[in-house]
């Protein structure tokens, strides 16, 4: 009788523990039936603040790369050969890219950073443009400081320069997205700042 009671109580305990585990108790977070939030953090951890915006001077990190928008200024009228579209004006955005990883990595391509006119869940859903492919005038004083090509960055090494974009003149607030690979996914980093 004692043996039967011990077996019965053991079974009750096993079923009680199994019931406490819930539906997704034994599943890894990625397999759980609960929805996970997308993230702008470098590691893509679930539950991170998906609406994190970085301002001018704030270092944002993704995939071993730190990106800082150092300053934004209205481009002089004689900066490019082409005139900006109606309702738009050229701005110079100064960036610093720093390798925060333990390995040599490539700095981002100029087309990885977009000025966003209308946001959507992914780059494909947004109205945005990457760095303008406009010809910069030879007379521009800081022409050599323009960020043009990717370079190998050793751990701790940085590079930077300016890129030129067309921004909407009727809006003071500017949003920029950084995509490390493709734009048909949420952006890796989002920047937001005011331009006078």
Protein backbone atom coordinates (compact mmCIF):
# COMPACT_ATOMS: atom_id res chain seq x y z
CA UNK A 1 0.00 0.00 0.00
CA UNK A 2 2.84 2.38 0.89
CA UNK A 3 4.53 1.64 -2.42
CA UNK A 4 1.37 2.43 -4.36
CA UNK A 5 0.89 5.70 -2.43
CA UNK A 6 4.51 6.76 -3.15
CA UNK A 7 4.08 6.05 -6.87
CA UNK A 8 0.75 7.94 -6.90
CA UNK A 9 2.24 10.99 -5.14
CA UNK A 10 5.27 10.91 -7.46
CA UNK A 11 2.99 10.95 -10.49
CA UNK A 12 0.96 13.84 -9.05
CA UNK A 13 4.19 15.78 -8.45
CA UNK A 14 5.42 15.15 -12.01
CA UNK A 15 2.11 16.31 -13.52
CA UNK A 16 2.05 19.38 -11.26
CA UNK A 17 5.56 20.39 -12.35
CA UNK A 18 4.69 19.83 -16.00
CA UNK A 19 1.58 22.03 -15.63
CA UNK A 20 3.64 24.84 -14.05
CA UNK A 21 5.90 24.92 -17.09
CA UNK A 22 3.14 26.31 -19.35
CA UNK A 23 2.87 25.87 -23.12
CA UNK A 24 6.30 27.22 -24.04
CA UNK A 25 8.15 26.19 -20.88
CA UNK A 26 10.60 23.84 -22.58
CA UNK A 27 11.11 25.90 -25.72
CA UNK A 28 13.99 28.22 -26.48
CA UNK A 29 13.02 31.93 -26.79
CA UNK A 30 13.15 31.77 -30.60
CA UNK A 31 10.77 28.80 -30.65
CA UNK A 32 8.32 30.18 -28.09
CA UNK A 33 4.80 30.91 -29.26
CA UNK A 34 4.93 34.36 -27.64
CA UNK A 35 5.85 37.11 -30.13
CA UNK A 36 9.27 38.67 -29.70
CA UNK A 37 10.06 42.31 -30.36
CA UNK A 38 12.43 43.34 -33.12
CA UNK A 39 15.44 45.20 -31.84
CA UNK A 40 17.88 47.94 -32.77
CA UNK A 41 20.50 46.58 -30.41
CA UNK A 42 23.64 45.05 -31.91
CA UNK A 43 22.92 41.53 -30.72
CA UNK A 44 19.24 41.60 -31.69
CA UNK A 45 18.16 40.55 -28.17
CA UNK A 46 14.40 40.18 -27.77
CA UNK A 47 12.71 42.69 -25.52
CA UNK A 48 15.10 45.55 -26.24
CA UNK A 49 13.78 49.03 -26.99
CA UNK A 50 12.79 48.84 -30.65
CA UNK A 51 12.19 52.59 -30.85
CA UNK A 52 15.67 53.69 -29.76
CA UNK A 53 16.69 56.82 -31.62
CA UNK A 54 20.22 58.22 -31.50
CA UNK A 55 20.92 61.94 -31.77
CA UNK A 56 23.89 63.99 -32.92
CA UNK A 57 26.99 63.05 -30.93
CA UNK A 58 25.55 59.77 -29.64
CA UNK A 59 27.48 56.60 -30.50
CA UNK A 60 25.23 53.80 -31.74
CA UNK A 61 26.56 50.24 -32.05
CA UNK A 62 25.64 47.40 -34.37
CA UNK A 63 27.64 44.33 -35.38
CA UNK A 64 30.94 45.52 -33.89
CA UNK A 65 30.67 48.95 -35.49
CA UNK A 66 30.05 52.22 -33.65
CA UNK A 67 28.45 54.97 -35.73
CA UNK A 68 28.25 58.57 -34.55
CA UNK A 69 26.67 61.48 -36.41
CA UNK A 70 29.07 64.24 -35.44
CA UNK A 71 27.29 67.20 -37.02
CA UNK A 72 24.84 68.19 -39.73
CA UNK A 73 25.03 71.39 -41.73
CA UNK A 74 23.26 72.87 -44.71
CA UNK A 75 25.45 72.43 -47.78
CA UNK A 76 26.58 75.60 -49.51
CA UNK A 77 24.78 76.33 -52.80
CA UNK A 78 27.94 75.63 -54.80
CA UNK A 79 28.60 72.19 -53.26
CA UNK A 80 27.10 70.09 -56.07
CA UNK A 81 26.61 70.46 -59.80
CA UNK A 82 22.93 69.54 -59.59
CA UNK A 83 20.26 71.60 -57.92
CA UNK A 84 18.20 69.95 -55.16
CA UNK A 85 14.66 68.84 -56.01
CA UNK A 86 11.80 71.25 -55.27
CA UNK A 87 11.05 71.22 -51.54
CA UNK A 88 14.46 69.77 -50.72
CA UNK A 89 17.88 71.13 -49.77
CA UNK A 90 21.29 69.50 -49.61
CA UNK A 91 22.78 68.79 -46.19
CA UNK A 92 26.18 67.48 -45.20
CA UNK A 93 26.08 64.79 -42.53
CA UNK A 94 29.39 64.11 -40.78
CA UNK A 95 29.94 60.55 -39.54
CA UNK A 96 32.55 58.69 -37.50
CA UNK A 97 32.77 54.92 -37.81
CA UNK A 98 34.73 53.00 -35.16
CA UNK A 99 35.51 49.30 -34.92
CA UNK A 100 34.41 48.17 -31.44
CA UNK A 101 34.98 44.48 -32.14
CA UNK A 102 38.06 42.32 -31.59
CA UNK A 103 38.53 41.66 -35.31
CA UNK A 104 39.31 43.76 -38.37
CA UNK A 105 36.07 44.79 -40.07
CA UNK A 106 35.14 46.90 -43.07
CA UNK A 107 33.65 50.35 -42.58
CA UNK A 108 30.12 50.64 -44.03
CA UNK A 109 29.43 51.55 -47.62
CA UNK A 110 28.02 55.03 -48.17
CA UNK A 111 24.75 53.52 -49.44
CA UNK A 112 24.14 51.82 -46.05
CA UNK A 113 22.95 55.07 -44.43
CA UNK A 114 19.62 56.50 -45.59
CA UNK A 115 17.75 59.73 -44.99
CA UNK A 116 14.12 58.74 -44.40
CA UNK A 117 11.21 60.86 -45.61
CA UNK A 118 8.46 58.47 -44.52
CA UNK A 119 9.06 55.57 -42.13
CA UNK A 120 7.84 52.01 -42.48
CA UNK A 121 8.61 48.68 -40.76
CA UNK A 122 11.45 47.91 -43.20
CA UNK A 123 13.49 49.89 -45.70
CA UNK A 124 11.31 48.56 -48.51
CA UNK A 125 8.30 50.14 -46.78
CA UNK A 126 10.00 53.54 -46.32
CA UNK A 127 10.37 56.53 -48.56
CA UNK A 128 14.08 57.27 -48.24
CA UNK A 129 17.28 57.93 -50.13
CA UNK A 130 20.89 56.98 -49.57
CA UNK A 131 23.88 59.26 -50.05
CA UNK A 132 23.36 61.42 -53.12
CA UNK A 133 25.39 60.44 -56.15
CA UNK A 134 25.78 64.09 -57.05
CA UNK A 135 29.05 65.39 -58.35
CA UNK A 136 30.71 67.55 -55.74
CA UNK A 137 32.27 70.71 -57.14
CA UNK A 138 36.06 70.80 -57.24
CA UNK A 139 36.08 74.14 -55.41
CA UNK A 140 34.45 72.74 -52.24
CA UNK A 141 36.99 73.40 -49.48
CA UNK A 142 36.48 70.14 -47.57
CA UNK A 143 35.99 67.97 -50.64
CA UNK A 144 38.78 65.58 -49.57
CA UNK A 145 36.94 64.90 -46.31
CA UNK A 146 33.98 63.37 -48.13
CA UNK A 147 33.35 59.74 -47.14
CA UNK A 148 33.59 57.77 -50.35
CA UNK A 149 34.90 54.26 -49.86
CA UNK A 150 35.00 51.44 -47.39
CA UNK A 151 38.24 50.79 -45.53
CA UNK A 152 39.48 48.02 -43.27
CA UNK A 153 39.33 49.07 -39.62
CA UNK A 154 41.52 47.31 -37.06
CA UNK A 155 40.04 46.92 -33.54
CA UNK A 156 39.65 50.38 -32.02
CA UNK A 157 40.42 52.15 -35.31
CA UNK A 158 38.05 54.76 -36.75
CA UNK A 159 37.38 56.65 -39.95
CA UNK A 160 34.83 59.18 -41.07
CA UNK A 161 33.90 62.10 -43.24
CA UNK A 162 30.79 63.70 -44.67
CA UNK A 163 28.08 62.48 -46.97
CA UNK A 164 25.54 64.59 -48.76
CA UNK A 165 21.77 64.08 -48.72
CA UNK A 166 18.64 65.89 -49.85
CA UNK A 167 16.35 66.63 -46.94
CA UNK A 168 12.79 67.96 -46.91
CA UNK A 169 12.87 71.69 -46.20
CA UNK A 170 9.40 71.73 -44.61
CA UNK A 171 10.54 69.43 -41.77
CA UNK A 172 13.05 70.35 -39.07
CA UNK A 173 13.35 66.80 -37.73
CA UNK A 174 15.37 64.31 -39.75
CA UNK A 175 15.37 60.51 -39.44
CA UNK A 176 18.19 58.34 -40.75
CA UNK A 177 18.45 54.55 -40.95
CA UNK A 178 21.53 52.33 -41.02
CA UNK A 179 21.28 48.92 -42.68
CA UNK A 180 24.25 46.57 -42.31
CA UNK A 181 23.17 44.26 -45.15
CA UNK A 182 19.71 44.53 -46.70
CA UNK A 183 16.90 47.07 -46.51
CA UNK A 184 14.03 44.55 -46.59
CA UNK A 185 14.41 44.14 -42.82
CA UNK A 186 14.05 46.62 -39.92
CA UNK A 187 17.03 49.01 -39.71
CA UNK A 188 19.99 48.09 -37.52
CA UNK A 189 20.15 51.65 -36.14
CA UNK A 190 17.89 54.70 -36.26
CA UNK A 191 19.06 58.29 -35.84
CA UNK A 192 16.80 61.30 -35.32
CA UNK A 193 17.81 64.93 -34.95
CA UNK A 194 16.82 68.49 -35.77
CA UNK A 195 18.27 70.51 -38.62
CA UNK A 196 17.91 74.29 -38.60
